[in-house]
C-alpha atoms as a PDB file:
ATOM      1  CA  MET A   1       0.000   0.000   0.000  1.00  0.00           C
ATOM      2  CA  THR A   2       1.373   3.403  -0.985  1.00  0.00           C
ATOM      3  CA  THR A   3       1.247   6.239   1.523  1.00  0.00           C
ATOM      4  CA  LEU A   4      -0.076   9.489   0.123  1.00  0.00           C
ATOM      5  CA  THR A   5       2.120  12.472   0.847  1.00  0.00           C
ATOM      6  CA  LYS A   6       1.592  16.218   0.811  1.00  0.00           C
ATOM      7  CA  ARG A   7       4.056  18.682  -0.587  1.00  0.00           C
ATOM      8  CA  ALA A   8       5.122  21.626   1.587  1.00  0.00           C
ATOM      9  CA  THR A   9       7.597  24.432   1.180  1.00  0.00           C
ATOM     10  CA  ILE A  10       9.756  25.086   4.215  1.00  0.00           C
ATOM     11  CA  TYR A  11      12.553  27.539   4.778  1.00  0.00           C
ATOM     12  CA  LEU A  12      15.598  26.364   6.706  1.00  0.00           C
ATOM     13  CA  GLU A  13      18.533  28.291   8.033  1.00  0.00           C
ATOM     14  CA  PRO A  14      21.468  27.674   5.680  1.00  0.00           C
ATOM     15  CA  SER A  15      23.478  25.828   8.332  1.00  0.00           C
ATOM     16  CA  LEU A  16      20.531  23.538   9.156  1.00  0.00           C
ATOM     17  CA  HIS A  17      19.957  22.843   5.475  1.00  0.00           C
ATOM     18  CA  ARG A  18      23.620  21.942   4.995  1.00  0.00           C
ATOM     19  CA  ALA A  19      23.607  19.669   8.047  1.00  0.00           C
ATOM     20  CA  LEU A  20      20.420  17.989   6.849  1.00  0.00           C
ATOM     21  CA  ARG A  21      21.855  17.451   3.359  1.00  0.00           C
ATOM     22  CA  LEU A  22      25.030  15.947   4.828  1.00  0.00           C
ATOM     23  CA  LYS A  23      23.019  13.641   7.090  1.00  0.00           C
ATOM     24  CA  SER A  24      20.924  12.646   4.098  1.00  0.00           C
ATOM     25  CA  ILE A  25      24.030  11.660   2.159  1.00  0.00           C
ATOM     26  CA  GLU A  26      25.584   9.884   5.151  1.00  0.00           C
ATOM     27  CA  THR A  27      22.470   7.844   5.893  1.00  0.00           C
ATOM     28  CA  SER A  28      21.254   7.339   2.305  1.00  0.00           C
ATOM     29  CA  ARG A  29      17.890   8.793   3.317  1.00  0.00           C
ATOM     30  CA  SER A  30      15.964  11.574   1.661  1.00  0.00           C
ATOM     31  CA  LEU A  31      15.557  15.021   3.184  1.00  0.00           C
ATOM     32  CA  SER A  32      11.830  14.306   3.355  1.00  0.00           C
ATOM     33  CA  ASP A  33      12.381  11.110   5.349  1.00  0.00           C
ATOM     34  CA  LEU A  34      14.655  12.893   7.800  1.00  0.00           C
ATOM     35  CA  LEU A  35      12.244  15.807   8.231  1.00  0.00           C
ATOM     36  CA  ASN A  36       9.213  13.519   8.574  1.00  0.00           C
ATOM     37  CA  ASP A  37      10.997  11.567  11.323  1.00  0.00           C
ATOM     38  CA  ALA A  38      12.022  14.771  13.120  1.00  0.00           C
ATOM     39  CA  VAL A  39       8.474  16.163  13.042  1.00  0.00           C
ATOM     40  CA  ARG A  40       7.000  12.797  14.062  1.00  0.00           C
ATOM     41  CA  ASN A  41       9.399  12.600  17.041  1.00  0.00           C
ATOM     42  CA  GLU A  42       8.573  16.156  18.101  1.00  0.00           C
ATOM     43  CA  LEU A  43       4.834  15.475  17.967  1.00  0.00           C
ATOM     44  CA  ALA A  44       5.265  12.207  19.894  1.00  0.00           C
ATOM     45  CA  GLU A  45       7.131  14.111  22.614  1.00  0.00           C
ATOM     46  CA  ASP A  46       4.295  16.648  22.778  1.00  0.00           C
ATOM     47  CA  ALA A  47       1.739  13.843  23.049  1.00  0.00           C
ATOM     48  CA  GLU A  48       3.747  12.271  25.862  1.00  0.00           C
ATOM     49  CA  ASP A  49       3.891  15.612  27.705  1.00  0.00           C
ATOM     50  CA  LEU A  50       0.133  16.075  27.320  1.00  0.00           C
ATOM     51  CA  GLY A  51      -0.414  12.589  28.723  1.00  0.00           C
ATOM     52  CA  ILE A  52       1.692  13.447  31.761  1.00  0.00           C
ATOM     53  CA  PHE A  53      -0.209  16.703  32.283  1.00  0.00           C
ATOM     54  CA  ASP A  54      -3.499  14.834  32.037  1.00  0.00           C
ATOM     55  CA  ALA A  55      -2.373  12.205  34.544  1.00  0.00           C
ATOM     56  CA  ARG A  56      -1.383  14.931  37.024  1.00  0.00           C
ATOM     57  CA  LYS A  57      -4.382  17.229  36.557  1.00  0.00           C
ATOM     58  CA  ASN A  58      -5.940  16.274  39.912  1.00  0.00           C
ATOM     59  CA  GLU A  59      -2.792  16.819  41.956  1.00  0.00           C
ATOM     60  CA  PRO A  60      -2.939  19.672  44.436  1.00  0.00           C
ATOM     61  CA  THR A  61      -1.282  22.909  43.379  1.00  0.00           C
ATOM     62  CA  ILE A  62       0.965  25.208  45.382  1.00  0.00           C
ATOM     63  CA  LYS A  63       1.709  28.877  44.854  1.00  0.00           C
ATOM     64  CA  PHE A  64       5.238  29.633  43.711  1.00  0.00           C
ATOM     65  CA  GLU A  65       5.799  31.953  46.671  1.00  0.00           C
ATOM     66  CA  ASP A  66       4.770  29.208  49.089  1.00  0.00           C
ATOM     67  CA  PHE A  67       7.077  26.751  47.330  1.00  0.00           C
ATOM     68  CA  VAL A  68      10.036  29.123  47.686  1.00  0.00           C
ATOM     69  CA  LYS A  69       9.215  29.699  51.369  1.00  0.00           C
ATOM     70  CA  GLU A  70       9.144  25.916  51.903  1.00  0.00           C
ATOM     71  CA  LEU A  71      12.555  25.554  50.223  1.00  0.00           C
ATOM     72  CA  LYS A  72      13.964  28.265  52.499  1.00  0.00           C
ATOM     73  CA  ARG A  73      12.414  26.664  55.580  1.00  0.00           C
ATOM     74  CA  ASN A  74      14.044  23.340  54.683  1.00  0.00           C
ATOM     75  CA  GLY A  75      17.434  24.963  54.022  1.00  0.00           C
ATOM     76  CA  LYS A  76      17.384  24.080  50.343  1.00  0.00           C
ATOM     77  CA  ILE A  77      17.996  27.686  49.274  1.00  0.00           C
END
């Protein structure tokens, strides 16, 4: 089964483009493959973060000022 792809124009900093081209040559992979993997990994990391936030949504909160006071009280700062 063939995966349909969409074409997009992106603008890279020259140094990033050069590094990506070199990695493409080194790994015998296309620029598109490398960019798709990078975007996929970034989105997976975001999804993981959202899952963690969701799992912790019912935890009690503490004001930053109170947290700093607690650190001082315990000699941490």
